[in-house]
Structure formats: structure tokens, C-alpha cells
């Protein structure tokens, strides 16, 4: 079942530019776009010792757990989660039904600033994902169905 629209180079440029602009505005360390299965679609910023693949998978899982908690307390969903640490904090926000924005930032930075600027970033990314979906309706894919032993079934070189 297709979930993520098929993304081309132009789509990735828009996503990366939105993330770079957001990082500058929010003074965040790194920002990732992941599908809700936790697969990293793109990222910007630096986090020297952080494995973005693992961060994406775990933050996505934590976000999905919060959705279950929302249901338990009678909410339709929680659109974002925030985890604060002594040195770093993580903010996760829903972009659309398929993707999340994950932000890593220094704890002394304001979480409110990160949340405020994430709204514009998620809107830009959501619009680009809609444009990608309209360009190739039904042409997307579910990254969790990827056979890592044979990725050529999903990825191909640009002609």
C-alpha cells in the first residue's frame, strides 16, 4: 500500500531548504523529515554523535505511542511531542498523515521558539508532499515494505 509520495530531486531541494531555514530561525542543531515508520527521508544540521537513522526510528515510535495515549485520554491525536534533557531536547511534530518533523536542539534554547518556527516548516513540507502526490497519484510507496536485500526494486538512477 502506497503511503509516501514518490519524491524527485526538486522535491528534496524544497524539503532541504525548508529545514535549513528552520534551523537558522529556531537555532536548532538538526532537523529530520521521517515517515511515520521511522525511515529518514532527509535531514539537515549536525549532531556529531547522534545516529539519525536510530533517532528517526525511536522518535517516530515515541510519537506513535503518544497517539495511543491520546486515544486513551479521549483526544483525537497529539500533533507534537517534546522530550527535554539536560543538554539536548527533542521536538517531534506531525507534518501530514505520513510524515514527521524531528528536531534536535540544545536544552537551553527555547522549546517555544522551536515549536513556533516548526509550523511554517511543516507547512512548506506538507505542501511539497501534496504537490508530489498530485504529480504522480498513487505512485508512492511504503518504506517499511522495502526489501533491503534488493533495493534496486525501489530505487533507480536518474536518467
C-alpha atoms as a PDB file:
ATOM      1  CA  UNK A   1       0.000   0.000   0.000  1.00  0.00           C
ATOM      2  CA  UNK A   2       1.479   3.351  -1.054  1.00  0.00           C
ATOM      3  CA  UNK A   3       1.906   5.949   1.667  1.00  0.00           C
ATOM      4  CA  UNK A   4       4.755   8.309   0.869  1.00  0.00           C
ATOM      5  CA  UNK A   5       4.517  10.087  -2.497  1.00  0.00           C
ATOM      6  CA  UNK A   6       7.278   9.500  -4.979  1.00  0.00           C
ATOM      7  CA  UNK A   7       9.827  12.263  -4.394  1.00  0.00           C
ATOM      8  CA  UNK A   8      12.121  13.661  -7.057  1.00  0.00           C
ATOM      9  CA  UNK A   9      15.211  15.852  -6.811  1.00  0.00           C
ATOM     10  CA  UNK A  10      13.175  19.092  -6.926  1.00  0.00           C
ATOM     11  CA  UNK A  11      11.053  17.878  -4.009  1.00  0.00           C
ATOM     12  CA  UNK A  12      14.154  17.125  -1.972  1.00  0.00           C
ATOM     13  CA  UNK A  13      15.552  20.597  -2.687  1.00  0.00           C
ATOM     14  CA  UNK A  14      12.381  22.182  -1.280  1.00  0.00           C
ATOM     15  CA  UNK A  15      12.404  19.945   1.801  1.00  0.00           C
ATOM     16  CA  UNK A  16      16.098  20.588   2.477  1.00  0.00           C
ATOM     17  CA  UNK A  17      15.706  24.366   2.003  1.00  0.00           C
ATOM     18  CA  UNK A  18      12.769  24.415   4.434  1.00  0.00           C
ATOM     19  CA  UNK A  19      14.805  22.501   7.006  1.00  0.00           C
ATOM     20  CA  UNK A  20      17.841  24.787   6.604  1.00  0.00           C
ATOM     21  CA  UNK A  21      15.705  27.913   7.002  1.00  0.00           C
ATOM     22  CA  UNK A  22      14.019  26.413  10.061  1.00  0.00           C
ATOM     23  CA  UNK A  23      17.364  25.531  11.674  1.00  0.00           C
ATOM     24  CA  UNK A  24      18.506  29.133  11.308  1.00  0.00           C
ATOM     25  CA  UNK A  25      15.282  30.576  12.711  1.00  0.00           C
ATOM     26  CA  UNK A  26      14.977  28.193  15.655  1.00  0.00           C
ATOM     27  CA  UNK A  27      18.705  27.881  16.433  1.00  0.00           C
ATOM     28  CA  UNK A  28      18.242  24.111  16.401  1.00  0.00           C
ATOM     29  CA  UNK A  29      21.038  21.578  15.957  1.00  0.00           C
ATOM     30  CA  UNK A  30      19.405  19.209  13.458  1.00  0.00           C
ATOM     31  CA  UNK A  31      16.059  18.578  11.790  1.00  0.00           C
ATOM     32  CA  UNK A  32      14.831  15.403  10.103  1.00  0.00           C
ATOM     33  CA  UNK A  33      11.847  14.503   7.978  1.00  0.00           C
ATOM     34  CA  UNK A  34      10.868  10.887   8.578  1.00  0.00           C
ATOM     35  CA  UNK A  35       7.925   8.765   7.584  1.00  0.00           C
ATOM     36  CA  UNK A  36       5.821   7.509  10.473  1.00  0.00           C
ATOM     37  CA  UNK A  37       7.592   4.160  10.246  1.00  0.00           C
ATOM     38  CA  UNK A  38      10.751   5.991  11.300  1.00  0.00           C
ATOM     39  CA  UNK A  39      12.609   5.951   7.972  1.00  0.00           C
ATOM     40  CA  UNK A  40      14.654   9.108   7.383  1.00  0.00           C
ATOM     41  CA  UNK A  41      13.640  10.893   4.189  1.00  0.00           C
ATOM     42  CA  UNK A  42      16.041  13.827   4.579  1.00  0.00           C
ATOM     43  CA  UNK A  43      17.863  15.771   7.256  1.00  0.00           C
ATOM     44  CA  UNK A  44      19.801  18.970   7.759  1.00  0.00           C
ATOM     45  CA  UNK A  45      22.129  20.091  10.519  1.00  0.00           C
ATOM     46  CA  UNK A  46      24.791  18.350  12.513  1.00  0.00           C
ATOM     47  CA  UNK A  47      24.760  16.194  15.587  1.00  0.00           C
ATOM     48  CA  UNK A  48      28.218  14.696  15.804  1.00  0.00           C
ATOM     49  CA  UNK A  49      27.464  11.628  17.916  1.00  0.00           C
ATOM     50  CA  UNK A  50      23.803  11.100  17.018  1.00  0.00           C
ATOM     51  CA  UNK A  51      22.808   8.368  14.591  1.00  0.00           C
ATOM     52  CA  UNK A  52      19.955   9.974  12.636  1.00  0.00           C
ATOM     53  CA  UNK A  53      18.632   6.599  11.497  1.00  0.00           C
ATOM     54  CA  UNK A  54      18.202   5.434  15.090  1.00  0.00           C
ATOM     55  CA  UNK A  55      16.891   8.834  16.224  1.00  0.00           C
ATOM     56  CA  UNK A  56      14.272   8.779  13.457  1.00  0.00           C
ATOM     57  CA  UNK A  57      13.108   5.273  14.298  1.00  0.00           C
ATOM     58  CA  UNK A  58      12.916   5.837  18.066  1.00  0.00           C
ATOM     59  CA  UNK A  59      11.363   9.317  17.893  1.00  0.00           C
ATOM     60  CA  UNK A  60       8.756   8.032  15.451  1.00  0.00           C
ATOM     61  CA  UNK A  61       7.953   5.143  17.786  1.00  0.00           C
ATOM     62  CA  UNK A  62       7.629   7.519  20.738  1.00  0.00           C
ATOM     63  CA  UNK A  63       5.343   9.779  18.710  1.00  0.00           C
ATOM     64  CA  UNK A  64       3.149   6.865  17.673  1.00  0.00           C
ATOM     65  CA  UNK A  65       2.961   5.758  21.324  1.00  0.00           C
ATOM     66  CA  UNK A  66       1.762   9.263  22.221  1.00  0.00           C
ATOM     67  CA  UNK A  67      -1.016   8.861  19.645  1.00  0.00           C
ATOM     68  CA  UNK A  68      -2.186   5.778  21.515  1.00  0.00           C
ATOM     69  CA  UNK A  69      -2.079   7.741  24.760  1.00  0.00           C
ATOM     70  CA  UNK A  70      -4.157  10.478  23.103  1.00  0.00           C
ATOM     71  CA  UNK A  71      -6.834   7.909  22.336  1.00  0.00           C
ATOM     72  CA  UNK A  72      -6.790   6.659  25.916  1.00  0.00           C
ATOM     73  CA  UNK A  73      -7.488  10.145  27.270  1.00  0.00           C
ATOM     74  CA  UNK A  74     -10.160  10.915  24.692  1.00  0.00           C
ATOM     75  CA  UNK A  75      -8.127  13.073  22.315  1.00  0.00           C
ATOM     76  CA  UNK A  76      -8.181  12.524  18.555  1.00  0.00           C
ATOM     77  CA  UNK A  77      -4.385  12.921  18.475  1.00  0.00           C
ATOM     78  CA  UNK A  78      -1.447  14.875  19.854  1.00  0.00           C
ATOM     79  CA  UNK A  79       0.124  16.808  16.994  1.00  0.00           C
ATOM     80  CA  UNK A  80       3.512  17.067  18.695  1.00  0.00           C
ATOM     81  CA  UNK A  81       5.667  15.690  21.488  1.00  0.00           C
ATOM     82  CA  UNK A  82       8.539  17.212  23.414  1.00  0.00           C
ATOM     83  CA  UNK A  83      11.281  15.489  25.399  1.00  0.00           C
ATOM     84  CA  UNK A  84      13.641  17.629  27.464  1.00  0.00           C
ATOM     85  CA  UNK A  85      17.081  16.589  28.605  1.00  0.00           C
ATOM     86  CA  UNK A  86      19.898  18.302  30.451  1.00  0.00           C
ATOM     87  CA  UNK A  87      21.930  19.035  27.298  1.00  0.00           C
ATOM     88  CA  UNK A  88      19.605  18.313  24.377  1.00  0.00           C
ATOM     89  CA  UNK A  89      15.879  18.194  23.780  1.00  0.00           C
ATOM     90  CA  UNK A  90      13.795  16.629  21.010  1.00  0.00           C
ATOM     91  CA  UNK A  91      10.627  18.030  19.486  1.00  0.00           C
ATOM     92  CA  UNK A  92       8.513  15.892  17.137  1.00  0.00           C
ATOM     93  CA  UNK A  93       5.707  17.401  15.079  1.00  0.00           C
ATOM     94  CA  UNK A  94       3.299  15.837  12.634  1.00  0.00           C
ATOM     95  CA  UNK A  95       3.725  17.108   9.064  1.00  0.00           C
ATOM     96  CA  UNK A  96       0.869  15.143   7.494  1.00  0.00           C
ATOM     97  CA  UNK A  97      -0.673  11.697   7.783  1.00  0.00           C
ATOM     98  CA  UNK A  98       2.569  10.066   6.638  1.00  0.00           C
ATOM     99  CA  UNK A  99       5.500  12.176   7.881  1.00  0.00           C
ATOM    100  CA  UNK A 100       7.014  13.752  10.977  1.00  0.00           C
ATOM    101  CA  UNK A 101       9.462  16.570  11.645  1.00  0.00           C
ATOM    102  CA  UNK A 102      12.029  15.669  14.311  1.00  0.00           C
ATOM    103  CA  UNK A 103      14.088  18.496  15.788  1.00  0.00           C
ATOM    104  CA  UNK A 104      17.166  18.119  17.982  1.00  0.00           C
ATOM    105  CA  UNK A 105      18.139  21.282  19.863  1.00  0.00           C
ATOM    106  CA  UNK A 106      20.155  22.396  22.866  1.00  0.00           C
ATOM    107  CA  UNK A 107      18.058  22.368  26.023  1.00  0.00           C
ATOM    108  CA  UNK A 108      18.905  25.964  26.886  1.00  0.00           C
ATOM    109  CA  UNK A 109      17.243  27.013  23.611  1.00  0.00           C
ATOM    110  CA  UNK A 110      13.584  27.760  23.944  1.00  0.00           C
ATOM    111  CA  UNK A 111      11.178  24.940  23.129  1.00  0.00           C
ATOM    112  CA  UNK A 112       8.574  27.602  22.350  1.00  0.00           C
ATOM    113  CA  UNK A 113      10.827  29.062  19.662  1.00  0.00           C
ATOM    114  CA  UNK A 114      11.300  25.624  18.101  1.00  0.00           C
ATOM    115  CA  UNK A 115       7.561  24.924  18.182  1.00  0.00           C
ATOM    116  CA  UNK A 116       6.713  28.367  16.765  1.00  0.00           C
ATOM    117  CA  UNK A 117       9.047  28.132  13.768  1.00  0.00           C
ATOM    118  CA  UNK A 118       8.235  24.476  13.119  1.00  0.00           C
ATOM    119  CA  UNK A 119       4.741  25.493  11.998  1.00  0.00           C
ATOM    120  CA  UNK A 120       5.998  27.269   8.878  1.00  0.00           C
ATOM    121  CA  UNK A 121       8.485  24.490   8.140  1.00  0.00           C
ATOM    122  CA  UNK A 122       5.877  21.730   8.378  1.00  0.00           C
ATOM    123  CA  UNK A 123       3.502  23.744   6.162  1.00  0.00           C
ATOM    124  CA  UNK A 124       6.116  24.117   3.414  1.00  0.00           C
ATOM    125  CA  UNK A 125       6.989  20.421   3.561  1.00  0.00           C
ATOM    126  CA  UNK A 126       3.325  19.349   3.629  1.00  0.00           C
ATOM    127  CA  UNK A 127       2.591  21.478   0.532  1.00  0.00           C
ATOM    128  CA  UNK A 128       5.521  19.899  -1.307  1.00  0.00           C
ATOM    129  CA  UNK A 129       4.379  16.394  -0.370  1.00  0.00           C
ATOM    130  CA  UNK A 130       0.910  17.236  -1.717  1.00  0.00           C
ATOM    131  CA  UNK A 131       2.456  18.529  -4.958  1.00  0.00           C
ATOM    132  CA  UNK A 132       4.492  15.318  -5.263  1.00  0.00           C
ATOM    133  CA  UNK A 133       1.389  13.223  -4.702  1.00  0.00           C
ATOM    134  CA  UNK A 134      -0.590  15.198  -7.295  1.00  0.00           C
ATOM    135  CA  UNK A 135       2.239  14.816  -9.806  1.00  0.00           C
ATOM    136  CA  UNK A 136       2.084  11.014  -9.550  1.00  0.00           C
ATOM    137  CA  UNK A 137      -1.173   9.975  -7.862  1.00  0.00           C
ATOM    138  CA  UNK A 138      -0.819   6.517  -6.371  1.00  0.00           C
ATOM    139  CA  UNK A 139       2.861   6.447  -7.347  1.00  0.00           C
ATOM    140  CA  UNK A 140       4.202   6.425  -3.817  1.00  0.00           C
ATOM    141  CA  UNK A 141       5.461   3.605  -1.686  1.00  0.00           C
ATOM    142  CA  UNK A 142       5.641   2.256   1.839  1.00  0.00           C
ATOM    143  CA  UNK A 143       9.248   2.338   3.019  1.00  0.00           C
ATOM    144  CA  UNK A 144       8.566  -0.385   5.577  1.00  0.00           C
ATOM    145  CA  UNK A 145       7.931  -2.787   2.685  1.00  0.00           C
ATOM    146  CA  UNK A 146      11.432  -2.176   1.293  1.00  0.00           C
ATOM    147  CA  UNK A 147      13.455  -5.331   0.761  1.00  0.00           C
ATOM    148  CA  UNK A 148      16.910  -4.138   1.840  1.00  0.00           C
ATOM    149  CA  UNK A 149      18.498  -7.112   0.088  1.00  0.00           C
ATOM    150  CA  UNK A 150      17.145  -5.838  -3.252  1.00  0.00           C
ATOM    151  CA  UNK A 151      16.775  -2.039  -3.079  1.00  0.00           C
ATOM    152  CA  UNK A 152      17.000  -1.740  -6.871  1.00  0.00           C
ATOM    153  CA  UNK A 153      13.308  -2.695  -6.954  1.00  0.00           C
ATOM    154  CA  UNK A 154      12.548   0.675  -5.393  1.00  0.00           C
ATOM    155  CA  UNK A 155      15.469   2.950  -6.283  1.00  0.00           C
ATOM    156  CA  UNK A 156      16.831   3.647  -9.699  1.00  0.00           C
ATOM    157  CA  UNK A 157      19.423   6.001 -11.156  1.00  0.00           C
ATOM    158  CA  UNK A 158      18.340   9.281 -12.653  1.00  0.00           C
ATOM    159  CA  UNK A 159      18.220   9.007 -16.457  1.00  0.00           C
END
